[in-house]
Structures are given as structure tokens and as C-alpha cells.
Amino acid sequence: MTRKPWGVEFTAHPEEVANLRRLVRHRLTSWGLRELIDTAQLCVSELVSNVVTHVGPGAPGSLEVSVDGAYLRIEVHDPDTRALPTLVAADVDAEGGRGMALIEALTDRWGVQLREGRKVTWCELATGLTPPTDRAVDPSVRRAEALLDMYATLRPPTCRYEPGLGRVGRTVAEESVIDVITDFLRWLRAHGCDADDVLDRAQSRYEATSSSGRHS
């Protein structure tokens, strides 16, 4: 099941949340997805409220909803590429901080993509119309694809050594790098590429660039 993507622009104000919830209800009703309306409305409320809170009232944004196979996808776009949503363990009595934890609990998956001049926070809900396993993907592959999207907006990449990082900090950083490399190797395998050949070429390029740096 697919539907032509639907979207609407909005200005980040608390009162806009109710209007967007109403529009999503009408859209999902017309698509025959009534059973997802309540959950989708909650997701829209949280994602749009995050824009109001963390980007600021009056910020321009847009909401996009689409269906592709087994999943309903909700995207909220905003212009701030610095304020990235994070999953935090909020205290029971805390007034805020539970937004993305709720998204994590309600959805099958969610993430953030950085594009030219904007940020996209998205989540997906299984429709039950086709087996969700049709799109089963190794989580490492999804993380690698998200990194590729980020790299496209952050070039040229920079690495800077922090003098005060310390042994423990360096160990954590190295483990993070190992995780990234492992994810990319799995991404290569998932797309039918020869990971060993890529590693060999990467090593050769690294050695060549390191050598030219020492001679310059």
C-alpha cells in the first residue's frame, strides 16, 4: 500500500499542535488507517512541540506524512540543524524531557536527518497491511545510512584532538569510531559490496594521505 505523500507548512506555536492533529486525523481517515490515528496524533504533538520548545516559537516548519508498504512515516522539518532531539531518561516528576522517550515507546523506529538548511525528525508506525518483515533491515545499516545523510551536510569532516580528553575519553572515542566502521562494513555487505576491497582501498588512501602530510 502506498499513498501520495501529504504535507503542510506551519509556524511553530503551541496552538498549531491541535490544528495539525486535526489535519492528520482527516488524512489518515481518508487513507483507511483509522487504527493509527491516536498514535500518529501523539507523535505529531511531540515532534511539533519539540520544535516550539527547542527551536523557538515562530520558527517555520513543515509536517509530511506518507505510507510506503508496511509503514506510516511522519516527518517534521525545521530550520535548526544544531538542536538535535535526544532520547533521555526523564525523572518521573519532570515537566519535560519525555518527548522522545514517548516517540521511542510508540513507534517502530525513529531518527533524525540533517539536510541542506534543515533538520528532519521522523518516525514510522507499522500499518499491519503488509508484513513488517518485508522491510526488515539490520539496525546497523539504518545507522550507517543516517550517518551518510549527516556526512553529506557536514563536509569537509574535521577531527580535532582535545588535549584534556584523557585516557578514558580517548578509549570511549575509539570505541565510537570502531562502532561507526563496523556499521559501514555491514552497510557495504547489505548493498552487495566487497567490504575487504573497500577496506584495502581505504587503508591505501589513508597511508598515501598520511605520507603526503608528513612530507609537506
N, C-alpha and C. Protein backbone atom coordinates (compact mmCIF):
# COMPACT_ATOMS: atom_id res chain seq x y z
N MET A 1 0.85 -1.19 0.00
CA MET A 1 0.00 0.00 0.00
C MET A 1 0.87 1.23 0.00
N THR A 2 0.64 2.11 -0.96
CA THR A 2 1.34 3.40 -0.97
C THR A 2 0.31 4.51 -1.16
N ARG A 3 0.63 5.67 -0.67
CA ARG A 3 -0.22 6.85 -0.83
C ARG A 3 0.66 8.02 -1.22
N LYS A 4 0.14 8.92 -2.01
CA LYS A 4 0.88 10.10 -2.37
C LYS A 4 1.22 10.89 -1.12
N PRO A 5 2.49 11.23 -0.90
CA PRO A 5 2.87 11.96 0.33
C PRO A 5 2.05 13.24 0.48
N TRP A 6 1.71 13.50 1.70
CA TRP A 6 0.93 14.70 2.04
C TRP A 6 1.73 15.55 3.01
N GLY A 7 1.65 16.87 2.86
CA GLY A 7 2.39 17.73 3.77
C GLY A 7 1.74 19.08 3.92
N VAL A 8 2.13 19.77 4.98
CA VAL A 8 1.61 21.10 5.25
C VAL A 8 2.68 21.90 5.99
N GLU A 9 2.79 23.18 5.68
CA GLU A 9 3.71 24.06 6.39
C GLU A 9 3.02 24.64 7.62
N PHE A 10 3.81 24.94 8.63
CA PHE A 10 3.24 25.54 9.84
C PHE A 10 4.25 26.49 10.47
N THR A 11 3.75 27.34 11.35
CA THR A 11 4.59 28.21 12.16
C THR A 11 4.55 27.68 13.59
N ALA A 12 5.71 27.53 14.19
CA ALA A 12 5.80 26.87 15.50
C ALA A 12 5.15 27.71 16.59
N HIS A 13 3.94 27.37 16.94
CA HIS A 13 3.21 27.95 18.07
C HIS A 13 2.44 26.83 18.75
N PRO A 14 2.27 26.89 20.05
CA PRO A 14 1.53 25.83 20.75
C PRO A 14 0.15 25.57 20.17
N GLU A 15 -0.54 26.63 19.74
CA GLU A 15 -1.89 26.45 19.23
C GLU A 15 -1.92 25.72 17.88
N GLU A 16 -0.79 25.64 17.19
CA GLU A 16 -0.73 24.94 15.92
C GLU A 16 -0.84 23.43 16.10
N VAL A 17 -0.48 22.93 17.28
CA VAL A 17 -0.46 21.49 17.50
C VAL A 17 -1.85 20.88 17.29
N ALA A 18 -2.87 21.50 17.86
CA ALA A 18 -4.23 20.97 17.72
C ALA A 18 -4.67 20.97 16.26
N ASN A 19 -4.32 22.01 15.51
CA ASN A 19 -4.69 22.07 14.11
C ASN A 19 -4.02 20.96 13.30
N LEU A 20 -2.74 20.72 13.57
CA LEU A 20 -2.02 19.67 12.86
C LEU A 20 -2.56 18.29 13.22
N ARG A 21 -2.92 18.10 14.46
CA ARG A 21 -3.53 16.82 14.88
C ARG A 21 -4.82 16.57 14.10
N ARG A 22 -5.63 17.64 13.95
CA ARG A 22 -6.90 17.50 13.24
C ARG A 22 -6.65 17.14 11.77
N LEU A 23 -5.67 17.80 11.14
CA LEU A 23 -5.36 17.51 9.74
C LEU A 23 -4.88 16.07 9.55
N VAL A 24 -4.07 15.61 10.50
CA VAL A 24 -3.58 14.23 10.41
C VAL A 24 -4.74 13.24 10.56
N ARG A 25 -5.67 13.54 11.45
CA ARG A 25 -6.84 12.66 11.61
C ARG A 25 -7.61 12.55 10.30
N HIS A 26 -7.86 13.68 9.65
CA HIS A 26 -8.60 13.66 8.38
C HIS A 26 -7.83 12.87 7.32
N ARG A 27 -6.50 13.07 7.27
CA ARG A 27 -5.71 12.41 6.25
C ARG A 27 -5.70 10.89 6.45
N LEU A 28 -5.49 10.44 7.69
CA LEU A 28 -5.43 9.00 7.94
C LEU A 28 -6.80 8.35 7.77
N THR A 29 -7.86 9.10 8.06
CA THR A 29 -9.21 8.58 7.83
C THR A 29 -9.42 8.34 6.34
N SER A 30 -8.99 9.29 5.52
CA SER A 30 -9.15 9.14 4.07
C SER A 30 -8.29 8.02 3.52
N TRP A 31 -7.19 7.70 4.20
CA TRP A 31 -6.31 6.61 3.76
C TRP A 31 -6.73 5.26 4.33
N GLY A 32 -7.76 5.23 5.16
CA GLY A 32 -8.21 3.97 5.74
C GLY A 32 -7.33 3.46 6.86
N LEU A 33 -6.68 4.38 7.56
CA LEU A 33 -5.77 4.00 8.65
C LEU A 33 -6.28 4.52 9.99
N ARG A 34 -7.54 4.31 10.25
CA ARG A 34 -8.15 4.82 11.47
C ARG A 34 -7.48 4.28 12.73
N GLU A 35 -7.00 3.03 12.68
CA GLU A 35 -6.41 2.42 13.87
C GLU A 35 -5.09 3.09 14.27
N LEU A 36 -4.50 3.87 13.39
CA LEU A 36 -3.24 4.55 13.70
C LEU A 36 -3.42 6.01 14.10
N ILE A 37 -4.65 6.50 14.05
CA ILE A 37 -4.89 7.93 14.24
C ILE A 37 -4.40 8.41 15.61
N ASP A 38 -4.80 7.74 16.68
CA ASP A 38 -4.44 8.20 18.02
C ASP A 38 -2.92 8.25 18.21
N THR A 39 -2.24 7.17 17.80
CA THR A 39 -0.78 7.12 17.97
C THR A 39 -0.10 8.16 17.10
N ALA A 40 -0.57 8.30 15.86
CA ALA A 40 0.03 9.29 14.96
C ALA A 40 -0.16 10.70 15.49
N GLN A 41 -1.32 10.99 16.05
CA GLN A 41 -1.56 12.31 16.61
C GLN A 41 -0.62 12.61 17.79
N LEU A 42 -0.39 11.59 18.63
CA LEU A 42 0.54 11.78 19.73
C LEU A 42 1.96 12.07 19.22
N CYS A 43 2.35 11.36 18.17
CA CYS A 43 3.69 11.58 17.60
C CYS A 43 3.81 13.00 17.03
N VAL A 44 2.78 13.43 16.32
CA VAL A 44 2.79 14.78 15.77
C VAL A 44 2.87 15.82 16.89
N SER A 45 2.10 15.60 17.95
CA SER A 45 2.13 16.53 19.08
C SER A 45 3.53 16.66 19.66
N GLU A 46 4.19 15.54 19.87
CA GLU A 46 5.52 15.56 20.48
C GLU A 46 6.56 16.20 19.55
N LEU A 47 6.54 15.82 18.27
CA LEU A 47 7.54 16.32 17.35
C LEU A 47 7.38 17.82 17.10
N VAL A 48 6.15 18.28 16.96
CA VAL A 48 5.92 19.71 16.74
C VAL A 48 6.20 20.50 18.01
N SER A 49 5.82 19.94 19.16
CA SER A 49 6.10 20.62 20.44
C SER A 49 7.60 20.76 20.66
N ASN A 50 8.39 19.79 20.19
CA ASN A 50 9.84 19.89 20.29
C ASN A 50 10.36 21.08 19.50
N VAL A 51 9.76 21.33 18.33
CA VAL A 51 10.17 22.50 17.54
C VAL A 51 9.85 23.78 18.29
N VAL A 52 8.65 23.84 18.86
CA VAL A 52 8.26 25.03 19.62
C VAL A 52 9.20 25.27 20.79
N THR A 53 9.54 24.20 21.51
CA THR A 53 10.34 24.32 22.73
C THR A 53 11.81 24.56 22.44
N HIS A 54 12.38 23.80 21.50
CA HIS A 54 13.83 23.80 21.32
C HIS A 54 14.32 24.66 20.17
N VAL A 55 13.47 24.90 19.17
CA VAL A 55 13.85 25.80 18.08
C VAL A 55 13.33 27.20 18.36
N GLY A 56 12.08 27.27 18.87
CA GLY A 56 11.55 28.56 19.29
C GLY A 56 10.22 28.89 18.64
N PRO A 57 9.33 29.57 19.38
CA PRO A 57 8.05 30.00 18.82
C PRO A 57 8.27 30.87 17.59
N GLY A 58 7.45 30.65 16.58
CA GLY A 58 7.55 31.43 15.36
C GLY A 58 8.44 30.82 14.30
N ALA A 59 9.16 29.75 14.64
CA ALA A 59 10.04 29.10 13.66
C ALA A 59 9.20 28.45 12.56
N PRO A 60 9.65 28.54 11.31
CA PRO A 60 8.92 27.89 10.22
C PRO A 60 9.18 26.39 10.24
N GLY A 61 8.14 25.62 9.97
CA GLY A 61 8.29 24.17 9.95
C GLY A 61 7.34 23.55 8.94
N SER A 62 7.48 22.28 8.75
CA SER A 62 6.55 21.57 7.88
C SER A 62 6.35 20.15 8.39
N LEU A 63 5.17 19.63 8.13
CA LEU A 63 4.80 18.27 8.51
C LEU A 63 4.54 17.48 7.24
N GLU A 64 5.15 16.30 7.13
CA GLU A 64 4.92 15.44 5.97
C GLU A 64 4.55 14.04 6.45
N VAL A 65 3.54 13.46 5.79
CA VAL A 65 3.05 12.13 6.15
C VAL A 65 2.97 11.31 4.87
N SER A 66 3.43 10.06 4.95
CA SER A 66 3.39 9.19 3.77
C SER A 66 3.22 7.75 4.21
N VAL A 67 2.80 6.91 3.28
CA VAL A 67 2.67 5.47 3.52
C VAL A 67 3.44 4.76 2.43
N ASP A 68 4.33 3.87 2.83
CA ASP A 68 5.12 3.10 1.87
C ASP A 68 5.17 1.65 2.35
N GLY A 69 4.37 0.81 1.73
CA GLY A 69 4.36 -0.59 2.13
C GLY A 69 3.78 -0.77 3.52
N ALA A 70 4.59 -1.26 4.43
CA ALA A 70 4.10 -1.65 5.74
C ALA A 70 4.14 -0.53 6.77
N TYR A 71 4.61 0.67 6.39
CA TYR A 71 4.84 1.69 7.40
C TYR A 71 4.22 3.03 7.05
N LEU A 72 3.70 3.69 8.08
CA LEU A 72 3.29 5.09 8.01
C LEU A 72 4.46 5.92 8.51
N ARG A 73 4.90 6.90 7.73
CA ARG A 73 6.05 7.72 8.09
C ARG A 73 5.59 9.14 8.36
N ILE A 74 6.03 9.69 9.48
CA ILE A 74 5.73 11.07 9.88
C ILE A 74 7.04 11.83 9.96
N GLU A 75 7.12 12.96 9.28
CA GLU A 75 8.33 13.79 9.30
C GLU A 75 7.96 15.21 9.73
N VAL A 76 8.78 15.78 10.59
CA VAL A 76 8.66 17.18 10.96
C VAL A 76 9.97 17.87 10.61
N HIS A 77 9.89 18.90 9.75
CA HIS A 77 11.07 19.63 9.29
C HIS A 77 11.16 20.96 10.02
N ASP A 78 12.36 21.36 10.40
CA ASP A 78 12.58 22.68 10.98
C ASP A 78 13.95 23.18 10.56
N PRO A 79 14.23 24.49 10.70
CA PRO A 79 15.46 25.07 10.16
C PRO A 79 16.69 24.97 11.05
N ASP A 80 16.56 24.43 12.26
CA ASP A 80 17.69 24.42 13.20
C ASP A 80 18.41 23.08 13.14
N THR A 81 19.61 23.07 12.57
CA THR A 81 20.39 21.83 12.46
C THR A 81 21.27 21.61 13.69
N ARG A 82 21.18 22.50 14.68
CA ARG A 82 22.00 22.34 15.87
C ARG A 82 21.25 21.65 17.00
N ALA A 83 19.96 21.96 17.15
CA ALA A 83 19.16 21.39 18.24
C ALA A 83 18.66 20.01 17.82
N LEU A 84 19.44 18.97 18.14
CA LEU A 84 19.09 17.61 17.74
C LEU A 84 18.30 16.92 18.85
N PRO A 85 17.16 16.31 18.52
CA PRO A 85 16.40 15.58 19.53
C PRO A 85 17.23 14.42 20.09
N THR A 86 17.14 14.21 21.38
CA THR A 86 17.87 13.12 22.01
C THR A 86 16.94 12.36 22.92
N LEU A 87 17.26 11.09 23.11
CA LEU A 87 16.49 10.23 23.99
C LEU A 87 17.10 10.30 25.38
N VAL A 88 16.36 10.84 26.35
CA VAL A 88 16.88 10.98 27.71
C VAL A 88 15.94 10.27 28.67
N ALA A 89 16.49 9.87 29.81
CA ALA A 89 15.69 9.23 30.86
C ALA A 89 15.22 10.32 31.81
N ALA A 90 14.01 10.82 31.58
CA ALA A 90 13.48 11.91 32.39
C ALA A 90 12.96 11.37 33.71
N ASP A 91 13.10 12.16 34.78
CA ASP A 91 12.56 11.79 36.08
C ASP A 91 11.04 11.70 36.01
N VAL A 92 10.48 10.90 36.88
CA VAL A 92 9.03 10.71 36.89
C VAL A 92 8.31 12.04 37.09
N ASP A 93 8.87 12.91 37.94
CA ASP A 93 8.21 14.17 38.25
C ASP A 93 8.64 15.31 37.34
N ALA A 94 9.49 15.04 36.36
CA ALA A 94 9.98 16.10 35.49
C ALA A 94 8.85 16.60 34.59
N GLU A 95 8.85 17.94 34.34
CA GLU A 95 7.83 18.53 33.49
C GLU A 95 8.14 18.33 32.01
N GLY A 96 9.40 18.09 31.66
CA GLY A 96 9.79 17.90 30.27
C GLY A 96 10.81 16.80 30.14
N GLY A 97 11.25 16.59 28.90
CA GLY A 97 12.31 15.62 28.67
C GLY A 97 11.83 14.23 28.31
N ARG A 98 10.48 14.05 28.29
CA ARG A 98 9.96 12.72 28.00
C ARG A 98 9.47 12.58 26.57
N GLY A 99 9.61 13.66 25.76
CA GLY A 99 9.05 13.65 24.41
C GLY A 99 9.58 12.54 23.54
N MET A 100 10.91 12.45 23.40
CA MET A 100 11.47 11.44 22.53
C MET A 100 11.37 10.04 23.15
N ALA A 101 11.31 9.97 24.48
CA ALA A 101 11.08 8.67 25.12
C ALA A 101 9.70 8.15 24.74
N LEU A 102 8.72 9.05 24.62
CA LEU A 102 7.38 8.65 24.20
C LEU A 102 7.40 8.20 22.74
N ILE A 103 8.12 8.93 21.89
CA ILE A 103 8.26 8.54 20.49
C ILE A 103 8.90 7.15 20.40
N GLU A 104 9.93 6.92 21.20
CA GLU A 104 10.61 5.63 21.22
C GLU A 104 9.64 4.50 21.59
N ALA A 105 8.75 4.79 22.55
CA ALA A 105 7.81 3.76 23.02
C ALA A 105 6.67 3.52 22.03
N LEU A 106 6.25 4.56 21.31
CA LEU A 106 5.08 4.46 20.45
C LEU A 106 5.38 3.93 19.06
N THR A 107 6.58 4.15 18.56
CA THR A 107 6.87 3.89 17.15
C THR A 107 7.74 2.65 16.96
N ASP A 108 7.80 2.21 15.71
CA ASP A 108 8.67 1.08 15.38
C ASP A 108 10.11 1.54 15.22
N ARG A 109 10.29 2.77 14.76
CA ARG A 109 11.63 3.34 14.66
C ARG A 109 11.50 4.84 14.45
N TRP A 110 12.57 5.55 14.80
CA TRP A 110 12.59 6.99 14.59
C TRP A 110 14.04 7.43 14.40
N GLY A 111 14.22 8.64 13.93
CA GLY A 111 15.57 9.12 13.72
C GLY A 111 15.58 10.59 13.33
N VAL A 112 16.78 11.08 13.06
CA VAL A 112 16.98 12.48 12.67
C VAL A 112 17.89 12.51 11.46
N GLN A 113 17.54 13.31 10.47
CA GLN A 113 18.37 13.51 9.29
C GLN A 113 18.69 14.99 9.15
N LEU A 114 19.94 15.29 8.83
CA LEU A 114 20.35 16.66 8.57
C LEU A 114 20.44 16.85 7.06
N ARG A 115 19.70 17.81 6.56
CA ARG A 115 19.72 18.13 5.15
C ARG A 115 20.15 19.60 4.97
N GLU A 116 20.28 20.02 3.74
CA GLU A 116 20.75 21.36 3.46
C GLU A 116 19.80 22.40 4.07
N GLY A 117 20.25 23.05 5.14
CA GLY A 117 19.48 24.13 5.74
C GLY A 117 18.33 23.70 6.61
N ARG A 118 18.20 22.40 6.90
CA ARG A 118 17.09 22.00 7.75
C ARG A 118 17.36 20.65 8.41
N LYS A 119 16.56 20.37 9.43
CA LYS A 119 16.62 19.10 10.15
C LYS A 119 15.29 18.39 9.96
N VAL A 120 15.35 17.07 9.83
CA VAL A 120 14.13 16.26 9.69
C VAL A 120 14.10 15.25 10.82
N THR A 121 13.10 15.34 11.67
CA THR A 121 12.88 14.35 12.71
C THR A 121 11.73 13.47 12.25
N TRP A 122 11.96 12.17 12.17
CA TRP A 122 10.96 11.28 11.60
C TRP A 122 10.67 10.09 12.51
N CYS A 123 9.52 9.48 12.29
CA CYS A 123 9.19 8.24 12.98
C CYS A 123 8.30 7.42 12.07
N GLU A 124 8.24 6.12 12.31
CA GLU A 124 7.44 5.22 11.48
C GLU A 124 6.60 4.30 12.35
N LEU A 125 5.38 4.04 11.89
CA LEU A 125 4.45 3.15 12.55
C LEU A 125 4.06 2.03 11.60
N ALA A 126 4.06 0.78 12.06
CA ALA A 126 3.64 -0.34 11.22
C ALA A 126 2.14 -0.25 10.97
N THR A 127 1.76 -0.37 9.70
CA THR A 127 0.34 -0.28 9.34
C THR A 127 -0.39 -1.61 9.51
N GLY A 128 0.35 -2.72 9.47
CA GLY A 128 -0.28 -4.03 9.55
C GLY A 128 -0.87 -4.49 8.22
N LEU A 129 -0.72 -3.67 7.17
CA LEU A 129 -1.30 -4.02 5.87
C LEU A 129 -0.45 -5.03 5.12
N THR A 130 0.87 -4.99 5.33
CA THR A 130 1.78 -6.00 4.79
C THR A 130 2.74 -6.36 5.90
N PRO A 131 3.32 -7.55 5.88
CA PRO A 131 4.20 -7.96 6.98
C PRO A 131 5.35 -6.98 7.15
N PRO A 132 5.56 -6.44 8.37
CA PRO A 132 6.68 -5.54 8.61
C PRO A 132 8.02 -6.15 8.26
N THR A 133 8.11 -7.49 8.24
CA THR A 133 9.39 -8.12 7.91
C THR A 133 9.79 -7.86 6.47
N ASP A 134 8.84 -7.37 5.64
CA ASP A 134 9.20 -7.06 4.26
C ASP A 134 10.29 -6.00 4.19
N ARG A 135 10.37 -5.16 5.23
CA ARG A 135 11.37 -4.10 5.22
C ARG A 135 12.35 -4.26 6.37
N ALA A 136 12.49 -5.50 6.85
CA ALA A 136 13.41 -5.72 7.95
C ALA A 136 14.83 -5.40 7.50
N VAL A 137 15.47 -4.51 8.26
CA VAL A 137 16.83 -4.08 7.93
C VAL A 137 17.66 -4.13 9.19
N ASP A 138 18.90 -4.58 9.05
CA ASP A 138 19.83 -4.58 10.17
C ASP A 138 19.91 -3.17 10.75
N PRO A 139 19.71 -2.99 12.07
CA PRO A 139 19.80 -1.63 12.65
C PRO A 139 21.12 -0.94 12.33
N SER A 140 22.19 -1.70 12.19
CA SER A 140 23.47 -1.10 11.85
C SER A 140 23.43 -0.45 10.48
N VAL A 141 22.70 -1.07 9.55
CA VAL A 141 22.58 -0.50 8.22
C VAL A 141 21.82 0.82 8.28
N ARG A 142 20.75 0.87 9.08
CA ARG A 142 20.00 2.12 9.20
C ARG A 142 20.86 3.21 9.82
N ARG A 143 21.66 2.85 10.83
CA ARG A 143 22.53 3.86 11.44
C ARG A 143 23.56 4.38 10.44
N ALA A 144 24.09 3.47 9.63
CA ALA A 144 25.09 3.88 8.64
C ALA A 144 24.46 4.82 7.62
N GLU A 145 23.23 4.53 7.21
CA GLU A 145 22.56 5.39 6.24
C GLU A 145 22.29 6.77 6.85
N ALA A 146 21.95 6.81 8.14
CA ALA A 146 21.75 8.10 8.79
C ALA A 146 23.07 8.88 8.85
N LEU A 147 24.17 8.18 9.10
CA LEU A 147 25.47 8.83 9.11
C LEU A 147 25.82 9.39 7.73
N LEU A 148 25.49 8.63 6.68
CA LEU A 148 25.76 9.11 5.33
C LEU A 148 25.01 10.40 5.05
N ASP A 149 23.75 10.49 5.52
CA ASP A 149 22.99 11.72 5.36
C ASP A 149 23.66 12.88 6.09
N MET A 150 24.15 12.61 7.29
CA MET A 150 24.81 13.66 8.07
C MET A 150 26.12 14.07 7.41
N TYR A 151 26.88 13.10 6.91
CA TYR A 151 28.16 13.43 6.28
C TYR A 151 27.96 14.35 5.10
N ALA A 152 26.85 14.17 4.37
CA ALA A 152 26.60 14.99 3.19
C ALA A 152 26.45 16.46 3.55
N THR A 153 26.00 16.73 4.77
CA THR A 153 25.80 18.12 5.18
C THR A 153 26.96 18.68 5.98
N LEU A 154 27.85 17.82 6.44
CA LEU A 154 28.93 18.25 7.33
C LEU A 154 30.30 18.29 6.65
N ARG A 155 30.39 17.99 5.35
CA ARG A 155 31.69 18.03 4.67
C ARG A 155 32.24 19.45 4.66
N PRO A 156 33.55 19.68 4.73
CA PRO A 156 34.55 18.63 4.91
C PRO A 156 34.58 18.19 6.36
N PRO A 157 34.75 16.87 6.63
CA PRO A 157 34.78 16.39 8.02
C PRO A 157 36.01 16.90 8.73
N THR A 158 35.90 17.10 10.02
CA THR A 158 37.03 17.56 10.82
C THR A 158 37.19 16.67 12.03
N CYS A 159 38.42 16.39 12.40
CA CYS A 159 38.72 15.64 13.61
C CYS A 159 39.70 16.49 14.42
N ARG A 160 39.38 16.73 15.65
CA ARG A 160 40.24 17.59 16.46
C ARG A 160 40.54 16.89 17.77
N TYR A 161 41.81 16.76 18.09
CA TYR A 161 42.21 16.11 19.34
C TYR A 161 42.07 17.11 20.49
N GLU A 162 41.43 16.68 21.54
CA GLU A 162 41.26 17.51 22.73
C GLU A 162 42.37 17.18 23.71
N PRO A 163 43.27 18.13 24.02
CA PRO A 163 44.39 17.84 24.92
C PRO A 163 43.95 17.29 26.27
N GLY A 164 42.81 17.73 26.74
CA GLY A 164 42.36 17.29 28.06
C GLY A 164 41.43 16.11 28.04
N LEU A 165 41.39 15.40 26.90
CA LEU A 165 40.44 14.31 26.76
C LEU A 165 40.70 13.19 27.76
N GLY A 166 41.96 12.86 27.97
CA GLY A 166 42.30 11.82 28.95
C GLY A 166 42.18 10.43 28.38
N ARG A 167 42.75 9.45 29.10
CA ARG A 167 42.79 8.08 28.61
C ARG A 167 41.40 7.50 28.45
N VAL A 168 40.52 7.72 29.45
CA VAL A 168 39.17 7.16 29.39
C VAL A 168 38.40 7.76 28.22
N GLY A 169 38.52 9.09 28.07
CA GLY A 169 37.82 9.75 26.97
C GLY A 169 38.28 9.25 25.62
N ARG A 170 39.59 9.03 25.48
CA ARG A 170 40.11 8.53 24.21
C ARG A 170 39.61 7.12 23.94
N THR A 171 39.51 6.31 24.99
CA THR A 171 39.01 4.94 24.83
C THR A 171 37.57 4.95 24.35
N VAL A 172 36.74 5.80 24.93
CA VAL A 172 35.34 5.90 24.52
C VAL A 172 35.26 6.37 23.07
N ALA A 173 36.09 7.37 22.71
CA ALA A 173 36.08 7.88 21.35
C ALA A 173 36.49 6.79 20.36
N GLU A 174 37.52 6.00 20.73
CA GLU A 174 37.97 4.93 19.84
C GLU A 174 36.87 3.88 19.65
N GLU A 175 36.16 3.55 20.72
CA GLU A 175 35.08 2.58 20.60
C GLU A 175 33.97 3.10 19.69
N SER A 176 33.71 4.41 19.76
CA SER A 176 32.70 5.00 18.89
C SER A 176 33.12 4.90 17.43
N VAL A 177 34.41 5.15 17.17
CA VAL A 177 34.91 5.04 15.81
C VAL A 177 34.80 3.60 15.32
N ILE A 178 35.12 2.64 16.18
CA ILE A 178 35.01 1.23 15.81
C ILE A 178 33.56 0.89 15.49
N ASP A 179 32.62 1.43 16.28
CA ASP A 179 31.20 1.18 16.00
C ASP A 179 30.81 1.71 14.63
N VAL A 180 31.28 2.92 14.31
CA VAL A 180 30.94 3.52 13.02
C VAL A 180 31.50 2.68 11.87
N ILE A 181 32.77 2.28 11.99
CA ILE A 181 33.39 1.46 10.95
C ILE A 181 32.64 0.14 10.78
N THR A 182 32.26 -0.48 11.89
CA THR A 182 31.53 -1.75 11.83
C THR A 182 30.19 -1.56 11.12
N ASP A 183 29.49 -0.47 11.44
CA ASP A 183 28.22 -0.20 10.78
C ASP A 183 28.40 -0.03 9.27
N PHE A 184 29.45 0.67 8.88
CA PHE A 184 29.66 0.87 7.45
C PHE A 184 30.02 -0.43 6.75
N LEU A 185 30.75 -1.31 7.42
CA LEU A 185 31.06 -2.61 6.82
C LEU A 185 29.77 -3.40 6.60
N ARG A 186 28.86 -3.33 7.57
CA ARG A 186 27.58 -4.03 7.41
C ARG A 186 26.74 -3.38 6.31
N TRP A 187 26.84 -2.06 6.19
CA TRP A 187 26.13 -1.36 5.12
C TRP A 187 26.65 -1.82 3.75
N LEU A 188 27.98 -1.95 3.63
CA LEU A 188 28.57 -2.42 2.38
C LEU A 188 28.07 -3.82 2.02
N ARG A 189 28.06 -4.70 3.04
CA ARG A 189 27.61 -6.06 2.80
C ARG A 189 26.14 -6.09 2.40
N ALA A 190 25.32 -5.26 3.06
CA ALA A 190 23.90 -5.22 2.76
C ALA A 190 23.62 -4.75 1.33
N HIS A 191 24.55 -3.99 0.77
CA HIS A 191 24.38 -3.47 -0.59
C HIS A 191 25.23 -4.23 -1.61
N GLY A 192 25.71 -5.41 -1.24
CA GLY A 192 26.40 -6.26 -2.18
C GLY A 192 27.80 -5.82 -2.54
N CYS A 193 28.43 -4.99 -1.71
CA CYS A 193 29.78 -4.51 -2.00
C CYS A 193 30.83 -5.43 -1.35
N ASP A 194 32.03 -5.37 -1.86
CA ASP A 194 33.13 -6.16 -1.33
C ASP A 194 33.80 -5.37 -0.21
N ALA A 195 33.48 -5.71 1.04
CA ALA A 195 33.98 -4.95 2.18
C ALA A 195 35.50 -5.03 2.29
N ASP A 196 36.07 -6.21 1.99
CA ASP A 196 37.53 -6.36 2.08
C ASP A 196 38.23 -5.45 1.08
N ASP A 197 37.67 -5.36 -0.13
CA ASP A 197 38.27 -4.49 -1.14
C ASP A 197 38.19 -3.04 -0.72
N VAL A 198 37.06 -2.64 -0.14
CA VAL A 198 36.90 -1.26 0.32
C VAL A 198 37.88 -0.96 1.45
N LEU A 199 38.05 -1.91 2.36
CA LEU A 199 39.00 -1.72 3.45
C LEU A 199 40.42 -1.56 2.91
N ASP A 200 40.78 -2.39 1.94
CA ASP A 200 42.12 -2.30 1.35
C ASP A 200 42.33 -0.93 0.70
N ARG A 201 41.33 -0.48 -0.03
CA ARG A 201 41.47 0.82 -0.69
C ARG A 201 41.50 1.96 0.32
N ALA A 202 40.70 1.82 1.38
CA ALA A 202 40.71 2.85 2.42
C ALA A 202 42.06 2.91 3.11
N GLN A 203 42.63 1.73 3.39
CA GLN A 203 43.95 1.68 4.03
C GLN A 203 45.01 2.31 3.11
N SER A 204 44.95 1.99 1.82
CA SER A 204 45.91 2.57 0.88
C SER A 204 45.76 4.08 0.82
N ARG A 205 44.53 4.55 0.79
CA ARG A 205 44.31 6.00 0.74
C ARG A 205 44.78 6.67 2.03
N TYR A 206 44.53 6.01 3.15
CA TYR A 206 44.97 6.56 4.43
C TYR A 206 46.49 6.66 4.47
N GLU A 207 47.18 5.58 4.03
CA GLU A 207 48.63 5.60 4.05
C GLU A 207 49.18 6.65 3.09
N ALA A 208 48.53 6.79 1.93
CA ALA A 208 49.01 7.78 0.96
C ALA A 208 48.86 9.19 1.49
N THR A 209 47.70 9.47 2.08
CA THR A 209 47.47 10.83 2.60
C THR A 209 48.33 11.10 3.81
N SER A 210 48.57 10.08 4.64
CA SER A 210 49.43 10.26 5.81
C SER A 210 50.85 10.54 5.36
N SER A 211 51.32 9.83 4.34
CA SER A 211 52.67 10.03 3.82
C SER A 211 52.85 11.41 3.24
N SER A 212 51.85 11.87 2.44
CA SER A 212 51.97 13.19 1.85
C SER A 212 51.91 14.28 2.90
N GLY A 213 51.20 14.02 4.00
CA GLY A 213 51.13 15.01 5.06
C GLY A 213 52.46 15.16 5.77
N ARG A 214 53.19 14.03 5.92
CA ARG A 214 54.49 14.11 6.59
C ARG A 214 55.54 14.83 5.76
N HIS A 215 55.42 14.70 4.40
CA HIS A 215 56.42 15.30 3.52
C HIS A 215 56.13 16.77 3.24
N SER A 216 54.90 17.22 3.49
CA SER A 216 54.56 18.60 3.17
C SER A 216 55.07 19.54 4.25
